[in-house]
Amino acid sequence: MSEFNKLKEMLESLEEDFAKFYEKKNNAAGTRVRKGLMEIKNLASEIRKDVQMKKNN
């Protein structure tokens, strides 16, 4: 369950950069958003693998 909380924290940490990119057109914030989303994708993939492994055992 701690991995899920980490995932939520990662998403929440991007909120400010999302606002900067979409509202203020800050391109550097867009880069940080893309990087953060890639990290979230990788963590979600690891969580998915763990769930699948536990389900199959």
Protein backbone atom coordinates (compact mmCIF):
# COMPACT_ATOMS: atom_id res chain seq x y z
CA MET A 1 0.00 0.00 0.00
CA SER A 2 2.96 2.32 0.53
CA GLU A 3 3.70 2.17 -3.20
CA PHE A 4 0.20 3.48 -3.91
CA ASN A 5 0.74 6.37 -1.50
CA LYS A 6 4.05 7.14 -3.19
CA LEU A 7 2.25 7.18 -6.55
CA LYS A 8 -0.33 9.66 -5.22
CA GLU A 9 2.40 11.88 -3.77
CA MET A 10 4.26 11.89 -7.08
CA LEU A 11 1.13 12.95 -8.93
CA GLU A 12 0.30 15.66 -6.40
CA SER A 13 3.86 17.03 -6.63
CA LEU A 14 3.30 17.75 -10.32
CA GLU A 15 0.22 19.91 -9.76
CA GLU A 16 2.15 23.19 -9.62
CA ASP A 17 4.11 22.39 -12.79
CA PHE A 18 0.88 21.46 -14.61
CA ALA A 19 -0.53 24.88 -13.72
CA LYS A 20 2.64 26.68 -14.80
CA PHE A 21 2.67 24.86 -18.13
CA TYR A 22 -1.01 25.14 -19.04
CA GLU A 23 -1.79 28.55 -17.56
CA LYS A 24 1.49 30.43 -17.91
CA LYS A 25 2.89 28.55 -20.95
CA ASN A 26 6.14 27.79 -19.09
CA ASN A 27 8.00 25.26 -21.28
CA ALA A 28 10.41 24.23 -18.52
CA ALA A 29 7.42 23.22 -16.38
CA GLY A 30 6.21 21.08 -19.30
CA THR A 31 9.54 19.28 -19.31
CA ARG A 32 9.24 18.61 -15.57
CA VAL A 33 5.68 17.35 -16.09
CA ARG A 34 6.80 14.92 -18.80
CA LYS A 35 9.67 13.67 -16.63
CA GLY A 36 7.38 13.24 -13.64
CA LEU A 37 4.79 11.38 -15.69
CA MET A 38 7.48 9.00 -16.95
CA GLU A 39 8.48 8.27 -13.34
CA ILE A 40 4.82 7.70 -12.45
CA LYS A 41 4.44 5.37 -15.43
CA ASN A 42 7.47 3.34 -14.33
CA LEU A 43 6.24 3.09 -10.73
CA ALA A 44 2.75 2.12 -11.90
CA SER A 45 4.29 -0.60 -14.05
CA GLU A 46 6.19 -1.98 -11.06
CA ILE A 47 3.03 -1.92 -8.94
CA ARG A 48 1.14 -3.71 -11.72
CA LYS A 49 3.80 -6.44 -11.89
CA ASP A 50 3.66 -6.88 -8.11
CA VAL A 51 -0.15 -7.15 -8.13
CA GLN A 52 -0.04 -9.67 -10.97
CA MET A 53 2.58 -11.76 -9.17
CA LYS A 54 0.57 -11.79 -5.91
CA LYS A 55 -2.63 -12.59 -7.78
CA ASN A 56 -1.08 -15.59 -9.50
CA ASN A 57 0.41 -17.06 -6.30
